[in-house]
Amino acid sequence: MDIHQSKVIELLRELHLIAFKEIERLNLRVAELEIHVCQPAQAPANITVEPPAAKPFPAPKQPDTGQVSLLLPHKSPSGSCERVYRTGAWIW
């Protein structure tokens, strides 16, 4: 084997050893955190939680005819027919 190949293999072995040690350390930390999460926290008994006061929603306002006419499609003001995008259907 080449000197460079043996050096690369040695470095890879060291890298794997470091990675396995780090994985073991993290597994121990996860187990420690799971123990802390499983224990119920002691909540103070004298604190009461009140739900927020419900506010009624205001009734929607009725649109006037001007607002409705802006929302609806309308004919051309001249009263003549026109084509939609020059190739579409005729609008009367």
PDB file of N, CA and C in Angstrom:
ATOM      1  N   MET A   1       0.834  -1.192   0.000  1.00  0.00           N
ATOM      2  CA  MET A   1       0.000   0.000   0.000  1.00  0.00           C
ATOM      3  C   MET A   1       0.879   1.256   0.000  1.00  0.00           C
ATOM      4  N   ASP A   2       0.326   2.262  -0.532  1.00  0.00           N
ATOM      5  CA  ASP A   2       0.996   3.549  -0.599  1.00  0.00           C
ATOM      6  C   ASP A   2       1.006   4.184   0.793  1.00  0.00           C
ATOM      7  N   ILE A   3       1.940   5.042   1.073  1.00  0.00           N
ATOM      8  CA  ILE A   3       2.035   5.741   2.353  1.00  0.00           C
ATOM      9  C   ILE A   3       0.811   6.623   2.559  1.00  0.00           C
ATOM     10  N   HIS A   4       0.350   7.263   1.499  1.00  0.00           N
ATOM     11  CA  HIS A   4      -0.819   8.144   1.596  1.00  0.00           C
ATOM     12  C   HIS A   4      -2.084   7.348   1.887  1.00  0.00           C
ATOM     13  N   GLN A   5      -2.192   6.160   1.256  1.00  0.00           N
ATOM     14  CA  GLN A   5      -3.362   5.326   1.508  1.00  0.00           C
ATOM     15  C   GLN A   5      -3.412   4.851   2.951  1.00  0.00           C
ATOM     16  N   SER A   6      -2.262   4.462   3.489  1.00  0.00           N
ATOM     17  CA  SER A   6      -2.235   4.004   4.885  1.00  0.00           C
ATOM     18  C   SER A   6      -2.543   5.158   5.842  1.00  0.00           C
ATOM     19  N   LYS A   7      -2.117   6.357   5.509  1.00  0.00           N
ATOM     20  CA  LYS A   7      -2.412   7.533   6.344  1.00  0.00           C
ATOM     21  C   LYS A   7      -3.910   7.844   6.305  1.00  0.00           C
ATOM     22  N   VAL A   8      -4.518   7.735   5.124  1.00  0.00           N
ATOM     23  CA  VAL A   8      -5.949   7.983   4.984  1.00  0.00           C
ATOM     24  C   VAL A   8      -6.738   6.952   5.780  1.00  0.00           C
ATOM     25  N   ILE A   9      -6.334   5.690   5.706  1.00  0.00           N
ATOM     26  CA  ILE A   9      -7.028   4.636   6.458  1.00  0.00           C
ATOM     27  C   ILE A   9      -6.897   4.875   7.949  1.00  0.00           C
ATOM     28  N   GLU A  10      -5.732   5.277   8.409  1.00  0.00           N
ATOM     29  CA  GLU A  10      -5.522   5.560   9.828  1.00  0.00           C
ATOM     30  C   GLU A  10      -6.400   6.729  10.287  1.00  0.00           C
ATOM     31  N   LEU A  11      -6.481   7.774   9.471  1.00  0.00           N
ATOM     32  CA  LEU A  11      -7.318   8.924   9.818  1.00  0.00           C
ATOM     33  C   LEU A  11      -8.802   8.547   9.837  1.00  0.00           C
ATOM     34  N   LEU A  12      -9.228   7.695   8.906  1.00  0.00           N
ATOM     35  CA  LEU A  12     -10.614   7.246   8.898  1.00  0.00           C
ATOM     36  C   LEU A  12     -10.944   6.424  10.139  1.00  0.00           C
ATOM     37  N   ARG A  13     -10.035   5.599  10.582  1.00  0.00           N
ATOM     38  CA  ARG A  13     -10.264   4.815  11.809  1.00  0.00           C
ATOM     39  C   ARG A  13     -10.401   5.745  13.018  1.00  0.00           C
ATOM     40  N   GLU A  14      -9.541   6.752  13.075  1.00  0.00           N
ATOM     41  CA  GLU A  14      -9.640   7.714  14.178  1.00  0.00           C
ATOM     42  C   GLU A  14     -10.977   8.469  14.121  1.00  0.00           C
ATOM     43  N   LEU A  15     -11.374   8.836  12.921  1.00  0.00           N
ATOM     44  CA  LEU A  15     -12.639   9.545  12.749  1.00  0.00           C
ATOM     45  C   LEU A  15     -13.817   8.692  13.202  1.00  0.00           C
ATOM     46  N   HIS A  16     -13.810   7.403  12.828  1.00  0.00           N
ATOM     47  CA  HIS A  16     -14.886   6.509  13.261  1.00  0.00           C
ATOM     48  C   HIS A  16     -14.898   6.341  14.764  1.00  0.00           C
ATOM     49  N   LEU A  17     -13.739   6.235  15.383  1.00  0.00           N
ATOM     50  CA  LEU A  17     -13.665   6.099  16.835  1.00  0.00           C
ATOM     51  C   LEU A  17     -14.227   7.342  17.518  1.00  0.00           C
ATOM     52  N   ILE A  18     -13.887   8.515  17.022  1.00  0.00           N
ATOM     53  CA  ILE A  18     -14.416   9.771  17.595  1.00  0.00           C
ATOM     54  C   ILE A  18     -15.925   9.839  17.394  1.00  0.00           C
ATOM     55  N   ALA A  19     -16.392   9.444  16.214  1.00  0.00           N
ATOM     56  CA  ALA A  19     -17.831   9.492  15.934  1.00  0.00           C
ATOM     57  C   ALA A  19     -18.591   8.546  16.852  1.00  0.00           C
ATOM     58  N   PHE A  20     -18.079   7.317  17.064  1.00  0.00           N
ATOM     59  CA  PHE A  20     -18.771   6.373  17.935  1.00  0.00           C
ATOM     60  C   PHE A  20     -18.793   6.859  19.383  1.00  0.00           C
ATOM     61  N   LYS A  21     -17.708   7.485  19.832  1.00  0.00           N
ATOM     62  CA  LYS A  21     -17.694   8.042  21.193  1.00  0.00           C
ATOM     63  C   LYS A  21     -18.715   9.163  21.330  1.00  0.00           C
ATOM     64  N   GLU A  22     -18.822  10.003  20.312  1.00  0.00           N
ATOM     65  CA  GLU A  22     -19.781  11.112  20.347  1.00  0.00           C
ATOM     66  C   GLU A  22     -21.218  10.586  20.318  1.00  0.00           C
ATOM     67  N   ILE A  23     -21.457   9.547  19.541  1.00  0.00           N
ATOM     68  CA  ILE A  23     -22.797   8.949  19.503  1.00  0.00           C
ATOM     69  C   ILE A  23     -23.154   8.367  20.861  1.00  0.00           C
ATOM     70  N   GLU A  24     -22.225   7.707  21.498  1.00  0.00           N
ATOM     71  CA  GLU A  24     -22.487   7.144  22.828  1.00  0.00           C
ATOM     72  C   GLU A  24     -22.762   8.258  23.835  1.00  0.00           C
ATOM     73  N   ARG A  25     -22.001   9.346  23.762  1.00  0.00           N
ATOM     74  CA  ARG A  25     -22.227  10.464  24.672  1.00  0.00           C
ATOM     75  C   ARG A  25     -23.613  11.073  24.459  1.00  0.00           C
ATOM     76  N   LEU A  26     -24.011  11.219  23.206  1.00  0.00           N
ATOM     77  CA  LEU A  26     -25.330  11.781  22.917  1.00  0.00           C
ATOM     78  C   LEU A  26     -26.452  10.835  23.350  1.00  0.00           C
ATOM     79  N   ASN A  27     -26.257   9.532  23.189  1.00  0.00           N
ATOM     80  CA  ASN A  27     -27.265   8.575  23.653  1.00  0.00           C
ATOM     81  C   ASN A  27     -27.448   8.659  25.168  1.00  0.00           C
ATOM     82  N   LEU A  28     -26.356   8.824  25.901  1.00  0.00           N
ATOM     83  CA  LEU A  28     -26.464   8.973  27.358  1.00  0.00           C
ATOM     84  C   LEU A  28     -27.194  10.267  27.719  1.00  0.00           C
ATOM     85  N   ARG A  29     -26.933  11.320  26.968  1.00  0.00           N
ATOM     86  CA  ARG A  29     -27.608  12.607  27.221  1.00  0.00           C
ATOM     87  C   ARG A  29     -29.103  12.504  26.926  1.00  0.00           C
ATOM     88  N   VAL A  30     -29.469  11.804  25.859  1.00  0.00           N
ATOM     89  CA  VAL A  30     -30.885  11.611  25.527  1.00  0.00           C
ATOM     90  C   VAL A  30     -31.577  10.825  26.634  1.00  0.00           C
ATOM     91  N   ALA A  31     -30.922   9.772  27.131  1.00  0.00           N
ATOM     92  CA  ALA A  31     -31.513   8.982  28.211  1.00  0.00           C
ATOM     93  C   ALA A  31     -31.693   9.836  29.458  1.00  0.00           C
ATOM     94  N   GLU A  32     -30.721  10.700  29.740  1.00  0.00           N
ATOM     95  CA  GLU A  32     -30.829  11.589  30.901  1.00  0.00           C
ATOM     96  C   GLU A  32     -32.000  12.565  30.746  1.00  0.00           C
ATOM     97  N   LEU A  33     -32.156  13.122  29.565  1.00  0.00           N
ATOM     98  CA  LEU A  33     -33.261  14.062  29.328  1.00  0.00           C
ATOM     99  C   LEU A  33     -34.610  13.356  29.367  1.00  0.00           C
ATOM    100  N   GLU A  34     -34.683  12.116  28.891  1.00  0.00           N
ATOM    101  CA  GLU A  34     -35.936  11.373  28.958  1.00  0.00           C
ATOM    102  C   GLU A  34     -36.352  11.120  30.399  1.00  0.00           C
ATOM    103  N   ILE A  35     -35.398  10.900  31.271  1.00  0.00           N
ATOM    104  CA  ILE A  35     -35.719  10.703  32.692  1.00  0.00           C
ATOM    105  C   ILE A  35     -36.307  11.980  33.267  1.00  0.00           C
ATOM    106  N   HIS A  36     -35.738  13.136  32.916  1.00  0.00           N
ATOM    107  CA  HIS A  36     -36.238  14.405  33.441  1.00  0.00           C
ATOM    108  C   HIS A  36     -37.617  14.736  32.888  1.00  0.00           C
ATOM    109  N   VAL A  37     -37.892  14.400  31.634  1.00  0.00           N
ATOM    110  CA  VAL A  37     -39.173  14.707  31.020  1.00  0.00           C
ATOM    111  C   VAL A  37     -40.272  13.830  31.600  1.00  0.00           C
ATOM    112  N   CYS A  38     -39.963  12.587  31.896  1.00  0.00           N
ATOM    113  CA  CYS A  38     -40.981  11.657  32.402  1.00  0.00           C
ATOM    114  C   CYS A  38     -41.451  12.014  33.811  1.00  0.00           C
ATOM    115  N   GLN A  39     -40.639  12.709  34.576  1.00  0.00           N
ATOM    116  CA  GLN A  39     -41.045  13.096  35.923  1.00  0.00           C
ATOM    117  C   GLN A  39     -41.969  14.302  35.820  1.00  0.00           C
ATOM    118  N   PRO A  40     -43.184  14.223  36.415  1.00  0.00           N
ATOM    119  CA  PRO A  40     -44.100  15.366  36.337  1.00  0.00           C
ATOM    120  C   PRO A  40     -43.569  16.544  37.151  1.00  0.00           C
ATOM    121  N   ALA A  41     -43.733  17.704  36.604  1.00  0.00           N
ATOM    122  CA  ALA A  41     -43.287  18.926  37.273  1.00  0.00           C
ATOM    123  C   ALA A  41     -44.284  19.282  38.373  1.00  0.00           C
ATOM    124  N   GLN A  42     -43.794  19.796  39.474  1.00  0.00           N
ATOM    125  CA  GLN A  42     -44.641  20.203  40.588  1.00  0.00           C
ATOM    126  C   GLN A  42     -45.188  21.594  40.302  1.00  0.00           C
ATOM    127  N   ALA A  43     -46.485  21.662  40.003  1.00  0.00           N
ATOM    128  CA  ALA A  43     -47.129  22.944  39.726  1.00  0.00           C
ATOM    129  C   ALA A  43     -47.656  23.535  41.023  1.00  0.00           C
ATOM    130  N   PRO A  44     -47.536  24.837  41.214  1.00  0.00           N
ATOM    131  CA  PRO A  44     -48.089  25.453  42.414  1.00  0.00           C
ATOM    132  C   PRO A  44     -49.609  25.289  42.448  1.00  0.00           C
ATOM    133  N   ALA A  45     -50.142  24.990  43.615  1.00  0.00           N
ATOM    134  CA  ALA A  45     -51.566  24.695  43.750  1.00  0.00           C
ATOM    135  C   ALA A  45     -52.416  25.959  43.845  1.00  0.00           C
ATOM    136  N   ASN A  46     -51.834  27.103  44.202  1.00  0.00           N
ATOM    137  CA  ASN A  46     -52.633  28.298  44.436  1.00  0.00           C
ATOM    138  C   ASN A  46     -52.846  29.153  43.177  1.00  0.00           C
ATOM    139  N   ILE A  47     -52.330  28.760  42.026  1.00  0.00           N
ATOM    140  CA  ILE A  47     -52.499  29.542  40.801  1.00  0.00           C
ATOM    141  C   ILE A  47     -53.714  29.016  40.051  1.00  0.00           C
ATOM    142  N   THR A  48     -54.647  29.925  39.740  1.00  0.00           N
ATOM    143  CA  THR A  48     -55.813  29.543  38.949  1.00  0.00           C
ATOM    144  C   THR A  48     -55.739  30.260  37.605  1.00  0.00           C
ATOM    145  N   VAL A  49     -56.146  29.569  36.592  1.00  0.00           N
ATOM    146  CA  VAL A  49     -56.109  30.129  35.251  1.00  0.00           C
ATOM    147  C   VAL A  49     -57.537  30.445  34.831  1.00  0.00           C
ATOM    148  N   GLU A  50     -57.780  31.716  34.493  1.00  0.00           N
ATOM    149  CA  GLU A  50     -59.098  32.134  34.057  1.00  0.00           C
ATOM    150  C   GLU A  50     -59.115  32.242  32.538  1.00  0.00           C
ATOM    151  N   PRO A  51     -60.160  31.711  31.896  1.00  0.00           N
ATOM    152  CA  PRO A  51     -60.217  31.847  30.435  1.00  0.00           C
ATOM    153  C   PRO A  51     -60.476  33.300  30.058  1.00  0.00           C
ATOM    154  N   PRO A  52     -59.976  33.715  28.904  1.00  0.00           N
ATOM    155  CA  PRO A  52     -60.205  35.101  28.493  1.00  0.00           C
ATOM    156  C   PRO A  52     -61.683  35.343  28.220  1.00  0.00           C
ATOM    157  N   ALA A  53     -62.104  36.583  28.444  1.00  0.00           N
ATOM    158  CA  ALA A  53     -63.501  36.944  28.221  1.00  0.00           C
ATOM    159  C   ALA A  53     -63.797  36.894  26.716  1.00  0.00           C
ATOM    160  N   ALA A  54     -64.906  36.274  26.378  1.00  0.00           N
ATOM    161  CA  ALA A  54     -65.286  36.136  24.970  1.00  0.00           C
ATOM    162  C   ALA A  54     -65.916  37.438  24.483  1.00  0.00           C
ATOM    163  N   LYS A  55     -65.384  37.965  23.391  1.00  0.00           N
ATOM    164  CA  LYS A  55     -65.937  39.179  22.800  1.00  0.00           C
ATOM    165  C   LYS A  55     -66.792  38.777  21.609  1.00  0.00           C
ATOM    166  N   PRO A  56     -68.008  39.290  21.527  1.00  0.00           N
ATOM    167  CA  PRO A  56     -68.831  38.920  20.379  1.00  0.00           C
ATOM    168  C   PRO A  56     -68.296  39.575  19.099  1.00  0.00           C
ATOM    169  N   PHE A  57     -68.403  38.842  18.004  1.00  0.00           N
ATOM    170  CA  PHE A  57     -67.970  39.384  16.722  1.00  0.00           C
ATOM    171  C   PHE A  57     -69.015  40.376  16.220  1.00  0.00           C
ATOM    172  N   PRO A  58     -68.579  41.483  15.638  1.00  0.00           N
ATOM    173  CA  PRO A  58     -69.556  42.432  15.098  1.00  0.00           C
ATOM    174  C   PRO A  58     -70.240  41.842  13.857  1.00  0.00           C
ATOM    175  N   ALA A  59     -71.476  42.208  13.666  1.00  0.00           N
ATOM    176  CA  ALA A  59     -72.225  41.718  12.510  1.00  0.00           C
ATOM    177  C   ALA A  59     -71.652  42.335  11.244  1.00  0.00           C
ATOM    178  N   PRO A  60     -71.547  41.556  10.159  1.00  0.00           N
ATOM    179  CA  PRO A  60     -71.007  42.123   8.921  1.00  0.00           C
ATOM    180  C   PRO A  60     -71.953  43.173   8.356  1.00  0.00           C
ATOM    181  N   LYS A  61     -71.374  44.219   7.762  1.00  0.00           N
ATOM    182  CA  LYS A  61     -72.183  45.293   7.195  1.00  0.00           C
ATOM    183  C   LYS A  61     -72.696  44.890   5.821  1.00  0.00           C
ATOM    184  N   GLN A  62     -73.890  45.311   5.519  1.00  0.00           N
ATOM    185  CA  GLN A  62     -74.507  45.032   4.230  1.00  0.00           C
ATOM    186  C   GLN A  62     -73.903  45.974   3.190  1.00  0.00           C
ATOM    187  N   PRO A  63     -73.345  45.443   2.082  1.00  0.00           N
ATOM    188  CA  PRO A  63     -72.771  46.341   1.070  1.00  0.00           C
ATOM    189  C   PRO A  63     -73.874  47.096   0.341  1.00  0.00           C
ATOM    190  N   ASP A  64     -73.572  48.327  -0.059  1.00  0.00           N
ATOM    191  CA  ASP A  64     -74.554  49.095  -0.827  1.00  0.00           C
ATOM    192  C   ASP A  64     -74.426  48.739  -2.318  1.00  0.00           C
ATOM    193  N   THR A  65     -75.294  49.282  -3.132  1.00  0.00           N
ATOM    194  CA  THR A  65     -75.329  48.917  -4.546  1.00  0.00           C
ATOM    195  C   THR A  65     -74.054  49.318  -5.284  1.00  0.00           C
ATOM    196  N   GLY A  66     -73.423  50.412  -4.878  1.00  0.00           N
ATOM    197  CA  GLY A  66     -72.176  50.831  -5.519  1.00  0.00           C
ATOM    198  C   GLY A  66     -71.066  49.817  -5.281  1.00  0.00           C
ATOM    199  N   GLN A  67     -70.957  49.289  -4.052  1.00  0.00           N
ATOM    200  CA  GLN A  67     -69.944  48.293  -3.752  1.00  0.00           C
ATOM    201  C   GLN A  67     -70.224  46.981  -4.473  1.00  0.00           C
ATOM    202  N   VAL A  68     -71.505  46.602  -4.555  1.00  0.00           N
ATOM    203  CA  VAL A  68     -71.862  45.375  -5.258  1.00  0.00           C
ATOM    204  C   VAL A  68     -71.552  45.507  -6.735  1.00  0.00           C
ATOM    205  N   SER A  69     -71.823  46.649  -7.328  1.00  0.00           N
ATOM    206  CA  SER A  69     -71.565  46.826  -8.760  1.00  0.00           C
ATOM    207  C   SER A  69     -70.076  46.761  -9.072  1.00  0.00           C
ATOM    208  N   LEU A  70     -69.229  47.151  -8.123  1.00  0.00           N
ATOM    209  CA  LEU A  70     -67.792  47.051  -8.354  1.00  0.00           C
ATOM    210  C   LEU A  70     -67.330  45.595  -8.351  1.00  0.00           C
ATOM    211  N   LEU A  71     -68.015  44.739  -7.616  1.00  0.00           N
ATOM    212  CA  LEU A  71     -67.618  43.341  -7.523  1.00  0.00           C
ATOM    213  C   LEU A  71     -68.145  42.497  -8.678  1.00  0.00           C
ATOM    214  N   LEU A  72     -69.254  42.894  -9.266  1.00  0.00           N
ATOM    215  CA  LEU A  72     -69.873  42.101 -10.322  1.00  0.00           C
ATOM    216  C   LEU A  72     -69.338  42.515 -11.690  1.00  0.00           C
ATOM    217  N   PRO A  73     -69.236  41.536 -12.617  1.00  0.00           N
ATOM    218  CA  PRO A  73     -68.822  41.912 -13.979  1.00  0.00           C
ATOM    219  C   PRO A  73     -69.922  42.743 -14.629  1.00  0.00           C
ATOM    220  N   HIS A  74     -69.532  43.699 -15.428  1.00  0.00           N
ATOM    221  CA  HIS A  74     -70.508  44.591 -16.038  1.00  0.00           C
ATOM    222  C   HIS A  74     -70.222  44.748 -17.534  1.00  0.00           C
ATOM    223  N   LYS A  75     -71.217  45.226 -18.241  1.00  0.00           N
ATOM    224  CA  LYS A  75     -71.088  45.438 -19.680  1.00  0.00           C
ATOM    225  C   LYS A  75     -70.324  46.734 -19.934  1.00  0.00           C
ATOM    226  N   SER A  76     -69.939  46.897 -21.157  1.00  0.00           N
ATOM    227  CA  SER A  76     -69.225  48.114 -21.499  1.00  0.00           C
ATOM    228  C   SER A  76     -70.172  49.307 -21.388  1.00  0.00           C
ATOM    229  N   PRO A  77     -69.652  50.463 -21.044  1.00  0.00           N
ATOM    230  CA  PRO A  77     -70.525  51.620 -20.834  1.00  0.00           C
ATOM    231  C   PRO A  77     -71.237  52.105 -22.101  1.00  0.00           C
ATOM    232  N   SER A  78     -70.713  51.783 -23.264  1.00  0.00           N
ATOM    233  CA  SER A  78     -71.352  52.273 -24.487  1.00  0.00           C
ATOM    234  C   SER A  78     -72.575  51.453 -24.863  1.00  0.00           C
ATOM    235  N   GLY A  79     -72.735  50.283 -24.243  1.00  0.00           N
ATOM    236  CA  GLY A  79     -73.892  49.452 -24.541  1.00  0.00           C
ATOM    237  C   GLY A  79     -73.671  48.532 -25.715  1.00  0.00           C
ATOM    238  N   SER A  80     -72.556  48.656 -26.426  1.00  0.00           N
ATOM    239  CA  SER A  80     -72.302  47.779 -27.561  1.00  0.00           C
ATOM    240  C   SER A  80     -71.622  46.499 -27.079  1.00  0.00           C
ATOM    241  N   CYS A  81     -71.560  45.541 -27.949  1.00  0.00           N
ATOM    242  CA  CYS A  81     -70.945  44.273 -27.568  1.00  0.00           C
ATOM    243  C   CYS A  81     -69.421  44.370 -27.728  1.00  0.00           C
ATOM    244  N   GLU A  82     -68.694  43.537 -27.000  1.00  0.00           N
ATOM    245  CA  GLU A  82     -67.243  43.516 -27.104  1.00  0.00           C
ATOM    246  C   GLU A  82     -66.769  42.081 -26.963  1.00  0.00           C
ATOM    247  N   ARG A  83     -65.609  41.798 -27.460  1.00  0.00           N
ATOM    248  CA  ARG A  83     -65.044  40.462 -27.355  1.00  0.00           C
ATOM    249  C   ARG A  83     -64.060  40.424 -26.196  1.00  0.00           C
ATOM    250  N   VAL A  84     -64.012  39.272 -25.538  1.00  0.00           N
ATOM    251  CA  VAL A  84     -63.085  39.082 -24.430  1.00  0.00           C
ATOM    252  C   VAL A  84     -61.734  38.688 -25.005  1.00  0.00           C
ATOM    253  N   TYR A  85     -60.709  39.450 -24.729  1.00  0.00           N
ATOM    254  CA  TYR A  85     -59.340  39.214 -25.170  1.00  0.00           C
ATOM    255  C   TYR A  85     -59.240  39.014 -26.689  1.00  0.00           C
ATOM    256  N   ARG A  86     -60.113  39.608 -27.460  1.00  0.00           N
ATOM    257  CA  ARG A  86     -60.121  39.628 -28.915  1.00  0.00           C
ATOM    258  C   ARG A  86     -60.362  38.258 -29.557  1.00  0.00           C
ATOM    259  N   THR A  87     -60.260  37.178 -28.798  1.00  0.00           N
ATOM    260  CA  THR A  87     -60.474  35.855 -29.397  1.00  0.00           C
ATOM    261  C   THR A  87     -61.544  35.076 -28.664  1.00  0.00           C
ATOM    262  N   GLY A  88     -62.014  35.570 -27.561  1.00  0.00           N
ATOM    263  CA  GLY A  88     -62.970  34.834 -26.761  1.00  0.00           C
ATOM    264  C   GLY A  88     -64.403  35.085 -27.183  1.00  0.00           C
ATOM    265  N   ALA A  89     -65.318  34.804 -26.281  1.00  0.00           N
ATOM    266  CA  ALA A  89     -66.750  34.924 -26.563  1.00  0.00           C
ATOM    267  C   ALA A  89     -67.161  36.384 -26.596  1.00  0.00           C
ATOM    268  N   TRP A  90     -68.291  36.633 -27.237  1.00  0.00           N
ATOM    269  CA  TRP A  90     -68.842  37.970 -27.288  1.00  0.00           C
ATOM    270  C   TRP A  90     -69.608  38.250 -26.005  1.00  0.00           C
ATOM    271  N   ILE A  91     -69.466  39.453 -25.470  1.00  0.00           N
ATOM    272  CA  ILE A  91     -70.219  39.879 -24.299  1.00  0.00           C
ATOM    273  C   ILE A  91     -71.190  40.946 -24.745  1.00  0.00           C
ATOM    274  N   TRP A  92     -72.461  40.759 -24.450  1.00  0.00           N
ATOM    275  CA  TRP A  92     -73.499  41.724 -24.857  1.00  0.00           C
ATOM    276  C   TRP A  92     -73.871  42.588 -23.706  1.00  0.00           C
TER     277      TRP A  92
END
